[in-house]
C-alpha atoms as a PDB file:
ATOM      1  CA  MET A   1     -78.128-112.403 159.273  1.00  0.00           C
ATOM      2  CA  LYS A   2     -76.767-110.240 156.471  1.00  0.00           C
ATOM      3  CA  LEU A   3     -77.379-106.489 156.533  1.00  0.00           C
ATOM      4  CA  ALA A   4     -76.428-105.891 152.897  1.00  0.00           C
ATOM      5  CA  PHE A   5     -79.773-105.133 151.293  1.00  0.00           C
ATOM      6  CA  PHE A   6     -81.855-102.250 149.987  1.00  0.00           C
ATOM      7  CA  PHE A   7     -84.625-100.564 151.995  1.00  0.00           C
ATOM      8  CA  SER A   8     -87.754 -99.166 150.433  1.00  0.00           C
ATOM      9  CA  CYS A   9     -86.160 -95.796 151.155  1.00  0.00           C
ATOM     10  CA  ASN A  10     -82.506 -95.318 152.112  1.00  0.00           C
ATOM     11  CA  HIS A  11     -82.584 -94.263 155.765  1.00  0.00           C
ATOM     12  CA  THR A  12     -79.336 -94.189 157.748  1.00  0.00           C
ATOM     13  CA  TRP A  13     -81.270 -94.202 161.026  1.00  0.00           C
ATOM     14  CA  GLN A  14     -82.638 -97.625 160.100  1.00  0.00           C
ATOM     15  CA  TYR A  15     -79.096 -98.954 159.606  1.00  0.00           C
ATOM     16  CA  ARG A  16     -77.953 -97.527 162.942  1.00  0.00           C
ATOM     17  CA  THR A  17     -80.938 -99.045 164.737  1.00  0.00           C
ATOM     18  CA  LEU A  18     -80.424-102.457 163.168  1.00  0.00           C
ATOM     19  CA  ASP A  19     -76.745-102.324 164.104  1.00  0.00           C
ATOM     20  CA  ALA A  20     -77.667-101.556 167.730  1.00  0.00           C
ATOM     21  CA  LEU A  21     -80.051-104.537 167.822  1.00  0.00           C
ATOM     22  CA  LYS A  22     -77.405-106.772 166.266  1.00  0.00           C
ATOM     23  CA  ARG A  23     -74.863-105.851 168.975  1.00  0.00           C
ATOM     24  CA  CYS A  24     -77.323-105.957 171.905  1.00  0.00           C
ATOM     25  CA  ARG A  25     -75.950-108.004 174.826  1.00  0.00           C
ATOM     26  CA  THR A  26     -72.731-108.868 173.056  1.00  0.00           C
ATOM     27  CA  ALA A  27     -69.113-108.085 173.929  1.00  0.00           C
ATOM     28  CA  SER A  28     -69.073-105.128 171.510  1.00  0.00           C
ATOM     29  CA  LEU A  29     -71.252-103.114 173.943  1.00  0.00           C
ATOM     30  CA  GLY A  30     -69.147-103.987 176.959  1.00  0.00           C
ATOM     31  CA  GLY A  31     -70.508-105.516 180.130  1.00  0.00           C
ATOM     32  CA  HIS A  32     -71.031-105.088 183.848  1.00  0.00           C
ATOM     33  CA  ILE A  33     -70.315-107.135 186.941  1.00  0.00           C
ATOM     34  CA  ASP A  34     -73.010-108.084 189.440  1.00  0.00           C
ATOM     35  CA  ALA A  35     -71.776-109.124 192.893  1.00  0.00           C
ATOM     36  CA  CYS A  36     -73.711-111.064 195.543  1.00  0.00           C
ATOM     37  CA  ASP A  37     -73.790-109.187 198.869  1.00  0.00           C
ATOM     38  CA  ALA A  38     -73.821-112.456 200.818  1.00  0.00           C
ATOM     39  CA  CYS A  39     -71.184-114.697 199.220  1.00  0.00           C
ATOM     40  CA  GLY A  40     -69.335-112.320 196.917  1.00  0.00           C
ATOM     41  CA  HIS A  41     -70.014-114.377 193.775  1.00  0.00           C
ATOM     42  CA  LEU A  42     -69.427-112.331 190.635  1.00  0.00           C
ATOM     43  CA  THR A  43     -71.434-112.545 187.402  1.00  0.00           C
ATOM     44  CA  LEU A  44     -70.475-110.878 184.140  1.00  0.00           C
ATOM     45  CA  SER A  45     -73.332-109.674 181.939  1.00  0.00           C
ATOM     46  CA  TYR A  46     -73.118-107.933 178.576  1.00  0.00           C
ATOM     47  CA  ASN A  47     -74.814-104.560 178.245  1.00  0.00           C
ATOM     48  CA  SER A  48     -78.072-104.100 176.366  1.00  0.00           C
ATOM     49  CA  CYS A  49     -78.573-101.633 173.516  1.00  0.00           C
ATOM     50  CA  ARG A  50     -81.615-100.026 175.216  1.00  0.00           C
ATOM     51  CA  ASN A  51     -83.061 -99.280 171.820  1.00  0.00           C
ATOM     52  CA  ARG A  52     -86.855 -98.976 171.859  1.00  0.00           C
ATOM     53  CA  HIS A  53     -87.136-101.201 168.772  1.00  0.00           C
ATOM     54  CA  CYS A  54     -85.248-104.061 170.438  1.00  0.00           C
ATOM     55  CA  PRO A  55     -87.368-107.095 171.448  1.00  0.00           C
ATOM     56  CA  LYS A  56     -84.960-107.825 174.328  1.00  0.00           C
ATOM     57  CA  CYS A  57     -84.961-104.330 175.859  1.00  0.00           C
ATOM     58  CA  GLY A  58     -87.595-101.952 177.181  1.00  0.00           C
ATOM     59  CA  GLY A  59     -89.006-104.066 180.011  1.00  0.00           C
ATOM     60  CA  GLU A  60     -87.851-101.713 182.770  1.00  0.00           C
ATOM     61  CA  LYS A  61     -89.116 -98.599 180.981  1.00  0.00           C
ATOM     62  CA  ARG A  62     -92.433-100.313 180.353  1.00  0.00           C
ATOM     63  CA  GLU A  63     -92.900-101.116 184.045  1.00  0.00           C
ATOM     64  CA  GLU A  64     -92.004 -97.555 185.067  1.00  0.00           C
ATOM     65  CA  TRP A  65     -94.489 -96.121 182.567  1.00  0.00           C
ATOM     66  CA  ILE A  66     -97.277 -98.475 183.656  1.00  0.00           C
ATOM     67  CA  THR A  67     -96.692 -97.708 187.342  1.00  0.00           C
ATOM     68  CA  ALA A  68     -97.004 -93.993 186.626  1.00  0.00           C
ATOM     69  CA  ARG A  69    -100.255 -94.495 184.692  1.00  0.00           C
ATOM     70  CA  GLU A  70    -101.723 -96.706 187.419  1.00  0.00           C
ATOM     71  CA  SER A  71    -101.729 -93.796 189.871  1.00  0.00           C
ATOM     72  CA  GLU A  72    -103.555 -91.634 187.318  1.00  0.00           C
ATOM     73  CA  LEU A  73    -106.503 -93.914 186.561  1.00  0.00           C
ATOM     74  CA  LEU A  74    -110.066 -92.813 187.237  1.00  0.00           C
ATOM     75  CA  PRO A  75    -112.825 -95.143 188.529  1.00  0.00           C
ATOM     76  CA  VAL A  76    -114.742 -94.879 185.244  1.00  0.00           C
ATOM     77  CA  PRO A  77    -115.154 -97.097 182.161  1.00  0.00           C
ATOM     78  CA  TYR A  78    -112.344 -96.939 179.601  1.00  0.00           C
ATOM     79  CA  PHE A  79    -112.717 -97.669 175.901  1.00  0.00           C
ATOM     80  CA  HIS A  80    -110.236 -98.984 173.354  1.00  0.00           C
ATOM     81  CA  ILE A  81    -110.479 -97.090 170.043  1.00  0.00           C
ATOM     82  CA  VAL A  82    -108.312 -97.841 166.990  1.00  0.00           C
ATOM     83  CA  PHE A  83    -107.751 -95.429 164.084  1.00  0.00           C
ATOM     84  CA  THR A  84    -106.283 -97.193 161.002  1.00  0.00           C
ATOM     85  CA  LEU A  85    -104.784 -95.692 157.855  1.00  0.00           C
ATOM     86  CA  PRO A  86    -105.725 -97.260 154.493  1.00  0.00           C
ATOM     87  CA  SER A  87    -103.016 -99.193 152.613  1.00  0.00           C
ATOM     88  CA  GLU A  88    -103.015 -96.517 149.884  1.00  0.00           C
ATOM     89  CA  LEU A  89    -100.923 -94.370 152.255  1.00  0.00           C
ATOM     90  CA  ASN A  90     -98.220 -97.002 152.877  1.00  0.00           C
ATOM     91  CA  GLN A  91     -95.866 -95.505 150.302  1.00  0.00           C
ATOM     92  CA  VAL A  92     -96.182 -92.112 151.968  1.00  0.00           C
ATOM     93  CA  ALA A  93     -95.448 -93.764 155.322  1.00  0.00           C
ATOM     94  CA  LEU A  94     -92.181 -95.156 153.953  1.00  0.00           C
ATOM     95  CA  TYR A  95     -90.874 -91.853 152.617  1.00  0.00           C
ATOM     96  CA  GLU A  96     -92.473 -89.316 154.988  1.00  0.00           C
ATOM     97  CA  PRO A  97     -93.101 -91.281 158.200  1.00  0.00           C
ATOM     98  CA  LYS A  98     -92.764 -88.378 160.640  1.00  0.00           C
ATOM     99  CA  ILE A  99     -95.220 -86.143 158.772  1.00  0.00           C
ATOM    100  CA  LEU A 100     -97.750 -88.917 158.217  1.00  0.00           C
ATOM    101  CA  TYR A 101     -97.644 -90.286 161.766  1.00  0.00           C
ATOM    102  CA  ASP A 102     -97.793 -86.799 163.297  1.00  0.00           C
ATOM    103  CA  ILE A 103    -100.925 -86.160 161.236  1.00  0.00           C
ATOM    104  CA  LEU A 104    -102.369 -89.476 162.418  1.00  0.00           C
ATOM    105  CA  PHE A 105    -101.909 -88.477 166.070  1.00  0.00           C
ATOM    106  CA  LYS A 106    -103.209 -84.957 165.510  1.00  0.00           C
ATOM    107  CA  VAL A 107    -106.319 -85.964 163.597  1.00  0.00           C
ATOM    108  CA  SER A 108    -107.183 -88.894 165.871  1.00  0.00           C
ATOM    109  CA  TRP A 109    -107.328 -86.520 168.825  1.00  0.00           C
ATOM    110  CA  GLU A 110    -109.238 -83.900 166.825  1.00  0.00           C
ATOM    111  CA  VAL A 111    -111.896 -86.512 166.065  1.00  0.00           C
ATOM    112  CA  MET A 112    -112.205 -87.608 169.694  1.00  0.00           C
ATOM    113  CA  GLU A 113    -112.245 -84.026 170.945  1.00  0.00           C
ATOM    114  CA  ALA A 114    -114.860 -82.950 168.392  1.00  0.00           C
ATOM    115  CA  PHE A 115    -117.227 -85.704 169.505  1.00  0.00           C
ATOM    116  CA  SER A 116    -116.642 -85.149 173.228  1.00  0.00           C
ATOM    117  CA  ARG A 117    -117.205 -81.383 172.918  1.00  0.00           C
ATOM    118  CA  ASP A 118    -120.370 -81.830 170.851  1.00  0.00           C
ATOM    119  CA  PRO A 119    -123.512 -81.257 173.012  1.00  0.00           C
ATOM    120  CA  LYS A 120    -125.254 -84.051 171.090  1.00  0.00           C
ATOM    121  CA  HIS A 121    -122.717 -86.571 172.361  1.00  0.00           C
ATOM    122  CA  LEU A 122    -121.058 -85.501 175.614  1.00  0.00           C
ATOM    123  CA  ASP A 123    -120.524 -81.728 175.889  1.00  0.00           C
ATOM    124  CA  ALA A 124    -117.437 -82.160 178.070  1.00  0.00           C
ATOM    125  CA  GLN A 125    -113.658 -82.238 177.861  1.00  0.00           C
ATOM    126  CA  GLY A 126    -112.417 -85.750 177.158  1.00  0.00           C
ATOM    127  CA  GLY A 127    -108.997 -87.355 177.218  1.00  0.00           C
ATOM    128  CA  MET A 128    -106.928 -89.934 175.387  1.00  0.00           C
ATOM    129  CA  ILE A 129    -103.730 -91.958 175.604  1.00  0.00           C
ATOM    130  CA  ALA A 130    -102.586 -92.760 172.053  1.00  0.00           C
ATOM    131  CA  ILE A 131    -100.050 -95.447 171.099  1.00  0.00           C
ATOM    132  CA  LEU A 132     -98.708 -95.789 167.553  1.00  0.00           C
ATOM    133  CA  HIS A 133     -98.256 -99.224 165.999  1.00  0.00           C
ATOM    134  CA  THR A 134     -97.123 -99.553 162.396  1.00  0.00           C
ATOM    135  CA  TRP A 135     -97.139-103.316 161.842  1.00  0.00           C
ATOM    136  CA  GLY A 136     -99.457-106.151 160.993  1.00  0.00           C
ATOM    137  CA  GLN A 137     -98.999-109.719 162.222  1.00  0.00           C
ATOM    138  CA  ASN A 138     -96.932-110.654 159.154  1.00  0.00           C
ATOM    139  CA  LEU A 139     -94.691-107.558 159.597  1.00  0.00           C
ATOM    140  CA  SER A 140     -96.410-105.749 156.737  1.00  0.00           C
ATOM    141  CA  LEU A 141     -96.858-101.989 156.994  1.00  0.00           C
ATOM    142  CA  HIS A 142    -100.144-101.307 158.777  1.00  0.00           C
ATOM    143  CA  PRO A 143    -100.103 -97.899 160.544  1.00  0.00           C
ATOM    144  CA  HIS A 144    -102.735 -97.511 163.257  1.00  0.00           C
ATOM    145  CA  ILE A 145    -103.182 -95.845 166.624  1.00  0.00           C
ATOM    146  CA  HIS A 146    -104.497 -97.594 169.723  1.00  0.00           C
ATOM    147  CA  CYS A 147    -106.331 -95.153 171.995  1.00  0.00           C
ATOM    148  CA  ILE A 148    -107.379 -95.551 175.614  1.00  0.00           C
ATOM    149  CA  VAL A 149    -110.326 -93.198 176.136  1.00  0.00           C
ATOM    150  CA  PRO A 150    -112.259 -92.594 179.388  1.00  0.00           C
ATOM    151  CA  GLY A 151    -116.009 -93.125 179.018  1.00  0.00           C
ATOM    152  CA  GLY A 152    -116.912 -89.544 179.764  1.00  0.00           C
ATOM    153  CA  GLY A 153    -115.317 -86.169 180.430  1.00  0.00           C
ATOM    154  CA  VAL A 154    -115.115 -83.106 182.655  1.00  0.00           C
ATOM    155  CA  ASP A 155    -117.864 -80.498 182.288  1.00  0.00           C
ATOM    156  CA  LYS A 156    -117.577 -76.719 182.635  1.00  0.00           C
ATOM    157  CA  ASN A 157    -117.950 -76.962 186.416  1.00  0.00           C
ATOM    158  CA  GLY A 158    -115.106 -79.462 186.771  1.00  0.00           C
ATOM    159  CA  ASN A 159    -117.427 -82.399 187.473  1.00  0.00           C
ATOM    160  CA  TRP A 160    -117.340 -85.784 185.804  1.00  0.00           C
ATOM    161  CA  LYS A 161    -119.943 -86.444 183.122  1.00  0.00           C
ATOM    162  CA  TYR A 162    -120.468 -89.990 181.871  1.00  0.00           C
ATOM    163  CA  ALA A 163    -120.946 -90.851 178.213  1.00  0.00           C
ATOM    164  CA  LYS A 164    -124.270 -92.328 177.139  1.00  0.00           C
ATOM    165  CA  ASN A 165    -125.646 -95.247 179.159  1.00  0.00           C
ATOM    166  CA  LYS A 166    -123.262 -94.659 182.058  1.00  0.00           C
ATOM    167  CA  GLY A 167    -120.236 -95.154 179.849  1.00  0.00           C
ATOM    168  CA  LYS A 168    -121.396 -98.383 178.194  1.00  0.00           C
ATOM    169  CA  PHE A 169    -121.442 -96.665 174.823  1.00  0.00           C
ATOM    170  CA  LEU A 170    -119.108 -94.016 173.475  1.00  0.00           C
ATOM    171  CA  TYR A 171    -119.651 -92.699 169.933  1.00  0.00           C
ATOM    172  CA  SER A 172    -120.721 -94.122 166.567  1.00  0.00           C
ATOM    173  CA  VAL A 173    -117.668 -95.595 164.830  1.00  0.00           C
ATOM    174  CA  LYS A 174    -119.236 -94.996 161.405  1.00  0.00           C
ATOM    175  CA  ALA A 175    -119.643 -91.303 162.176  1.00  0.00           C
ATOM    176  CA  MET A 176    -116.103 -91.095 163.582  1.00  0.00           C
ATOM    177  CA  ALA A 177    -114.674 -92.850 160.493  1.00  0.00           C
ATOM    178  CA  LYS A 178    -116.191 -90.270 158.123  1.00  0.00           C
ATOM    179  CA  VAL A 179    -114.877 -87.357 160.178  1.00  0.00           C
ATOM    180  CA  PHE A 180    -111.492 -89.078 160.515  1.00  0.00           C
ATOM    181  CA  ARG A 181    -111.149 -89.473 156.738  1.00  0.00           C
ATOM    182  CA  ALA A 182    -112.190 -85.893 155.971  1.00  0.00           C
ATOM    183  CA  LYS A 183    -109.917 -84.321 158.581  1.00  0.00           C
ATOM    184  CA  PHE A 184    -106.947 -86.527 157.700  1.00  0.00           C
ATOM    185  CA  VAL A 185    -107.086 -85.839 153.967  1.00  0.00           C
ATOM    186  CA  ALA A 186    -107.503 -82.103 154.607  1.00  0.00           C
ATOM    187  CA  GLU A 187    -104.443 -82.055 156.869  1.00  0.00           C
ATOM    188  CA  LEU A 188    -102.442 -84.190 154.449  1.00  0.00           C
ATOM    189  CA  ARG A 189    -103.154 -81.710 151.638  1.00  0.00           C
ATOM    190  CA  LYS A 190    -101.754 -78.901 153.802  1.00  0.00           C
ATOM    191  CA  GLN A 191     -98.477 -80.657 154.502  1.00  0.00           C
ATOM    192  CA  LEU A 192     -97.646 -82.753 151.428  1.00  0.00           C
ATOM    193  CA  VAL A 193     -97.981 -82.273 147.684  1.00  0.00           C
ATOM    194  CA  LEU A 194     -99.128 -85.649 146.381  1.00  0.00           C
ATOM    195  CA  ASP A 195    -100.720 -86.982 143.223  1.00  0.00           C
ATOM    196  CA  GLN A 196    -104.367 -85.899 142.969  1.00  0.00           C
ATOM    197  CA  ARG A 197    -105.278 -89.473 142.028  1.00  0.00           C
ATOM    198  CA  LEU A 198    -104.137 -90.591 145.466  1.00  0.00           C
ATOM    199  CA  TYR A 199    -106.380 -88.051 147.181  1.00  0.00           C
ATOM    200  CA  ASN A 200    -109.298 -89.089 144.979  1.00  0.00           C
ATOM    201  CA  GLY A 201    -108.705 -92.741 145.810  1.00  0.00           C
ATOM    202  CA  LEU A 202    -108.731 -92.063 149.546  1.00  0.00           C
ATOM    203  CA  PHE A 203    -112.395 -91.051 149.316  1.00  0.00           C
ATOM    204  CA  LEU A 204    -113.419 -94.119 147.315  1.00  0.00           C
ATOM    205  CA  LYS A 205    -113.199 -96.468 150.293  1.00  0.00           C
ATOM    206  CA  ASP A 206    -114.465 -96.479 153.859  1.00  0.00           C
ATOM    207  CA  TRP A 207    -111.849 -95.788 156.506  1.00  0.00           C
ATOM    208  CA  VAL A 208    -111.706 -97.961 159.607  1.00  0.00           C
ATOM    209  CA  VAL A 209    -112.306 -96.781 163.164  1.00  0.00           C
ATOM    210  CA  TYR A 210    -112.743 -99.678 165.566  1.00  0.00           C
ATOM    211  CA  ALA A 211    -114.132 -99.547 169.099  1.00  0.00           C
ATOM    212  CA  LYS A 212    -113.917-102.402 171.572  1.00  0.00           C
ATOM    213  CA  ARG A 213    -116.258-102.887 174.502  1.00  0.00           C
ATOM    214  CA  PRO A 214    -115.220-100.994 177.663  1.00  0.00           C
ATOM    215  CA  PHE A 215    -112.626-102.551 179.931  1.00  0.00           C
ATOM    216  CA  GLY A 216    -114.028-104.396 182.916  1.00  0.00           C
ATOM    217  CA  ASN A 217    -112.031-102.472 185.515  1.00  0.00           C
ATOM    218  CA  SER A 218    -108.911-100.401 186.072  1.00  0.00           C
ATOM    219  CA  LYS A 219    -106.759-103.531 186.386  1.00  0.00           C
ATOM    220  CA  ALA A 220    -107.808-104.566 182.886  1.00  0.00           C
ATOM    221  CA  VAL A 221    -106.705-101.148 181.584  1.00  0.00           C
ATOM    222  CA  ILE A 222    -103.270-101.602 183.169  1.00  0.00           C
ATOM    223  CA  GLU A 223    -102.920-105.112 181.740  1.00  0.00           C
ATOM    224  CA  TYR A 224    -103.788-103.780 178.292  1.00  0.00           C
ATOM    225  CA  LEU A 225    -101.276-100.953 178.593  1.00  0.00           C
ATOM    226  CA  GLY A 226     -98.651-103.484 179.621  1.00  0.00           C
ATOM    227  CA  ARG A 227     -99.183-105.417 176.399  1.00  0.00           C
ATOM    228  CA  TYR A 228     -99.268-102.496 173.997  1.00  0.00           C
ATOM    229  CA  THR A 229     -97.222 -99.523 175.195  1.00  0.00           C
ATOM    230  CA  HIS A 230     -93.643-100.642 174.550  1.00  0.00           C
ATOM    231  CA  LYS A 231     -94.398-103.423 172.095  1.00  0.00           C
ATOM    232  CA  VAL A 232     -92.122-103.906 169.069  1.00  0.00           C
ATOM    233  CA  ALA A 233     -92.867-105.218 165.582  1.00  0.00           C
ATOM    234  CA  ILE A 234     -92.077-108.832 166.502  1.00  0.00           C
ATOM    235  CA  SER A 235     -91.085-110.504 169.757  1.00  0.00           C
ATOM    236  CA  ASN A 236     -88.426-113.188 170.031  1.00  0.00           C
ATOM    237  CA  HIS A 237     -90.845-115.917 171.102  1.00  0.00           C
ATOM    238  CA  ARG A 238     -92.613-115.713 167.726  1.00  0.00           C
ATOM    239  CA  ILE A 239     -89.422-116.597 165.847  1.00  0.00           C
ATOM    240  CA  LYS A 240     -89.405-120.384 165.534  1.00  0.00           C
ATOM    241  CA  ALA A 241     -86.505-121.140 163.209  1.00  0.00           C
ATOM    242  CA  ILE A 242     -83.505-119.457 161.567  1.00  0.00           C
ATOM    243  CA  ASP A 243     -81.174-121.042 159.027  1.00  0.00           C
ATOM    244  CA  ASN A 244     -78.591-119.720 156.600  1.00  0.00           C
ATOM    245  CA  GLU A 245     -81.234-118.412 154.204  1.00  0.00           C
ATOM    246  CA  THR A 246     -84.607-117.956 155.941  1.00  0.00           C
ATOM    247  CA  VAL A 247     -86.474-116.948 159.085  1.00  0.00           C
ATOM    248  CA  THR A 248     -89.691-118.686 160.166  1.00  0.00           C
ATOM    249  CA  PHE A 249     -92.118-117.040 162.594  1.00  0.00           C
ATOM    250  CA  THR A 250     -95.702-117.350 163.763  1.00  0.00           C
ATOM    251  CA  TYR A 251     -98.508-114.925 162.952  1.00  0.00           C
ATOM    252  CA  LYS A 252    -102.255-114.704 163.424  1.00  0.00           C
ATOM    253  CA  ASP A 253    -104.276-114.803 160.221  1.00  0.00           C
ATOM    254  CA  TYR A 254    -107.229-112.565 161.070  1.00  0.00           C
ATOM    255  CA  LYS A 255    -108.846-113.368 157.725  1.00  0.00           C
ATOM    256  CA  ASP A 256    -108.958-117.033 158.732  1.00  0.00           C
ATOM    257  CA  GLU A 257    -110.550-116.932 162.200  1.00  0.00           C
ATOM    258  CA  SER A 258    -107.296-115.676 163.812  1.00  0.00           C
ATOM    259  CA  LYS A 259    -105.596-119.033 163.293  1.00  0.00           C
ATOM    260  CA  VAL A 260    -101.911-119.126 164.213  1.00  0.00           C
ATOM    261  CA  LYS A 261     -99.800-119.952 161.156  1.00  0.00           C
ATOM    262  CA  LEU A 262     -96.135-120.066 160.140  1.00  0.00           C
ATOM    263  CA  MET A 263     -94.506-117.708 157.653  1.00  0.00           C
ATOM    264  CA  THR A 264     -91.035-118.160 156.180  1.00  0.00           C
ATOM    265  CA  LEU A 265     -89.117-115.230 154.697  1.00  0.00           C
ATOM    266  CA  THR A 266     -85.606-114.767 153.369  1.00  0.00           C
ATOM    267  CA  HIS A 267     -83.212-112.868 155.632  1.00  0.00           C
ATOM    268  CA  GLU A 268     -83.365-109.831 153.380  1.00  0.00           C
ATOM    269  CA  GLU A 269     -87.151-109.757 153.250  1.00  0.00           C
ATOM    270  CA  PHE A 270     -87.495-110.298 157.002  1.00  0.00           C
ATOM    271  CA  ILE A 271     -85.148-107.385 157.773  1.00  0.00           C
ATOM    272  CA  ARG A 272     -86.774-105.206 155.096  1.00  0.00           C
ATOM    273  CA  ARG A 273     -90.173-105.725 156.693  1.00  0.00           C
ATOM    274  CA  PHE A 274     -88.834-105.137 160.210  1.00  0.00           C
ATOM    275  CA  ALA A 275     -87.027-101.952 159.105  1.00  0.00           C
ATOM    276  CA  GLN A 276     -90.309-100.431 157.909  1.00  0.00           C
ATOM    277  CA  HIS A 277     -91.307-100.113 161.572  1.00  0.00           C
ATOM    278  CA  ILE A 278     -88.208 -98.271 162.784  1.00  0.00           C
ATOM    279  CA  LEU A 279     -89.557 -94.868 163.724  1.00  0.00           C
ATOM    280  CA  PRO A 280     -87.795 -91.575 162.975  1.00  0.00           C
ATOM    281  CA  LYS A 281     -85.227 -90.437 165.508  1.00  0.00           C
ATOM    282  CA  ARG A 282     -86.796 -89.056 168.726  1.00  0.00           C
ATOM    283  CA  PHE A 283     -90.310 -89.610 167.407  1.00  0.00           C
ATOM    284  CA  VAL A 284     -92.790 -89.783 170.306  1.00  0.00           C
ATOM    285  CA  ARG A 285     -95.002 -92.852 169.857  1.00  0.00           C
ATOM    286  CA  ILE A 286     -97.029 -92.558 173.090  1.00  0.00           C
ATOM    287  CA  ARG A 287     -98.943 -89.302 173.556  1.00  0.00           C
ATOM    288  CA  HIS A 288    -101.463 -87.953 176.067  1.00  0.00           C
ATOM    289  CA  TYR A 289    -104.312 -85.565 175.329  1.00  0.00           C
ATOM    290  CA  GLY A 290    -107.056 -83.596 177.070  1.00  0.00           C
ATOM    291  CA  ILE A 291    -107.667 -84.548 180.682  1.00  0.00           C
ATOM    292  CA  LEU A 292    -104.949 -87.206 180.361  1.00  0.00           C
ATOM    293  CA  SER A 293    -102.283 -84.713 179.254  1.00  0.00           C
ATOM    294  CA  SER A 294     -99.420 -83.855 181.598  1.00  0.00           C
ATOM    295  CA  THR A 295    -100.478 -80.200 181.925  1.00  0.00           C
ATOM    296  CA  TRP A 296    -104.058 -81.045 182.916  1.00  0.00           C
ATOM    297  CA  LYS A 297    -103.060 -83.838 185.285  1.00  0.00           C
ATOM    298  CA  ARG A 298    -100.569 -81.701 187.194  1.00  0.00           C
ATOM    299  CA  SER A 299    -103.159 -79.093 188.133  1.00  0.00           C
ATOM    300  CA  LYS A 300    -106.525 -80.869 188.165  1.00  0.00           C
ATOM    301  CA  LEU A 301    -106.253 -84.665 188.300  1.00  0.00           C
ATOM    302  CA  ALA A 302    -106.038 -85.000 192.088  1.00  0.00           C
ATOM    303  CA  ASP A 303    -109.202 -82.932 192.621  1.00  0.00           C
ATOM    304  CA  LEU A 304    -111.108 -84.984 190.068  1.00  0.00           C
ATOM    305  CA  GLN A 305    -109.999 -88.261 191.640  1.00  0.00           C
ATOM    306  CA  ILE A 306    -111.204 -87.052 195.043  1.00  0.00           C
ATOM    307  CA  LYS A 307    -114.576 -86.021 193.574  1.00  0.00           C
ATOM    308  CA  LEU A 308    -114.919 -89.517 192.139  1.00  0.00           C
ATOM    309  CA  GLY A 309    -114.236 -91.078 195.544  1.00  0.00           C
ATOM    310  CA  LEU A 310    -110.651 -92.234 195.108  1.00  0.00           C
ATOM    311  CA  THR A 311    -108.237 -92.311 198.028  1.00  0.00           C
ATOM    312  CA  LEU A 312    -104.986 -90.792 196.839  1.00  0.00           C
ATOM    313  CA  VAL A 313    -101.814 -92.755 197.532  1.00  0.00           C
ATOM    314  CA  PRO A 314     -98.485 -90.850 197.643  1.00  0.00           C
ATOM    315  CA  LYS A 315     -96.210 -91.715 194.744  1.00  0.00           C
ATOM    316  CA  ALA A 316     -93.262 -93.918 195.598  1.00  0.00           C
ATOM    317  CA  VAL A 317     -89.818 -92.335 195.592  1.00  0.00           C
ATOM    318  CA  LYS A 318     -87.823 -93.498 192.589  1.00  0.00           C
ATOM    319  CA  VAL A 319     -84.650 -95.328 193.570  1.00  0.00           C
ATOM    320  CA  VAL A 320     -81.700 -94.536 191.337  1.00  0.00           C
ATOM    321  CA  LYS A 321     -79.385 -97.476 190.789  1.00  0.00           C
ATOM    322  CA  ILE A 322     -75.784 -96.745 189.837  1.00  0.00           C
ATOM    323  CA  GLU A 323     -73.783 -99.376 187.996  1.00  0.00           C
ATOM    324  CA  VAL A 324     -70.132 -99.234 186.982  1.00  0.00           C
ATOM    325  CA  PHE A 325     -69.663-100.839 183.566  1.00  0.00           C
ATOM    326  CA  ILE A 326     -66.537-102.565 182.361  1.00  0.00           C
ATOM    327  CA  THR A 327     -65.937-102.563 178.658  1.00  0.00           C
ATOM    328  CA  ILE A 328     -63.741-104.424 176.230  1.00  0.00           C
ATOM    329  CA  GLY A 329     -61.322-102.095 174.504  1.00  0.00           C
ATOM    330  CA  ARG A 330     -63.349 -99.056 175.545  1.00  0.00           C
ATOM    331  CA  LYS A 331     -63.398 -96.509 178.368  1.00  0.00           C
ATOM    332  CA  VAL A 332     -65.133 -97.341 181.640  1.00  0.00           C
ATOM    333  CA  ALA A 333     -68.648 -95.809 181.687  1.00  0.00           C
ATOM    334  CA  VAL A 334     -70.991 -95.029 184.548  1.00  0.00           C
ATOM    335  CA  SER A 335     -74.786 -95.288 184.086  1.00  0.00           C
ATOM    336  CA  THR A 336     -77.510 -93.961 186.361  1.00  0.00           C
END
């Protein structure tokens, strides 16, 4: 595929990321030798780019992250909440992605915390794992945050308090959507100077907050996390054909009963759409809040798990694997 094209905004980090994906598992990144302990057979494998946007990489990191979360689960219902930005903000997302996505994280948690702290709803400290996705099925720009939220919280005495109906119901999505819109626009005004017509337009439509039914059990939460945490804009199995001019891939058309359809784009358009979802350098796309934050878990999680009747299992010791890489025309590197 050709990389000579124009992005919606000229971003050198996008070029560097695309170049890393292009060279992933090719001779330009060098390789390493795997040897069989029994027969001594040697296998040469090319190194991966390890870029988080790469559809071929990230599997090991995903498994490590999921394993860590599995030991932190509570025996309570968990809800899946999605906060979505309206399409009117897509242009802002292209030119100021870090500011916009940071606001999205911040405000999403402020909404959840406001409802959990409210005596009318829960009157307890809640928690949230938030995962940023920026794409739609057809690779269009569609910024939204997937949130895993426990169905309850910790009260002032450190005891667990279930949400309404023993965690079968969380909060009104219509009420959350109104608060989400108001808080987001207020925060956006503080950080960016934009056309007043844009701000006016943001209040002319309803914003979307979606809540799925609670997960059946902790295993279902882990399976969900496995699908969503380290997902990229498009996976290789969805790409069905590539020729000298176009790329054809599958997508779900949610406006047509989620039917799976084919879409064909030129190389330039396919890469342009993919590049929209390359996040700013070092941007954190998975964040933890409240009782699911690192600070809270270190000091209080174990006690809460015991109160809820869980038997704590010691964490496994991480094994560090050392590989010596051979490279082509480059220095020998050691990775741990």
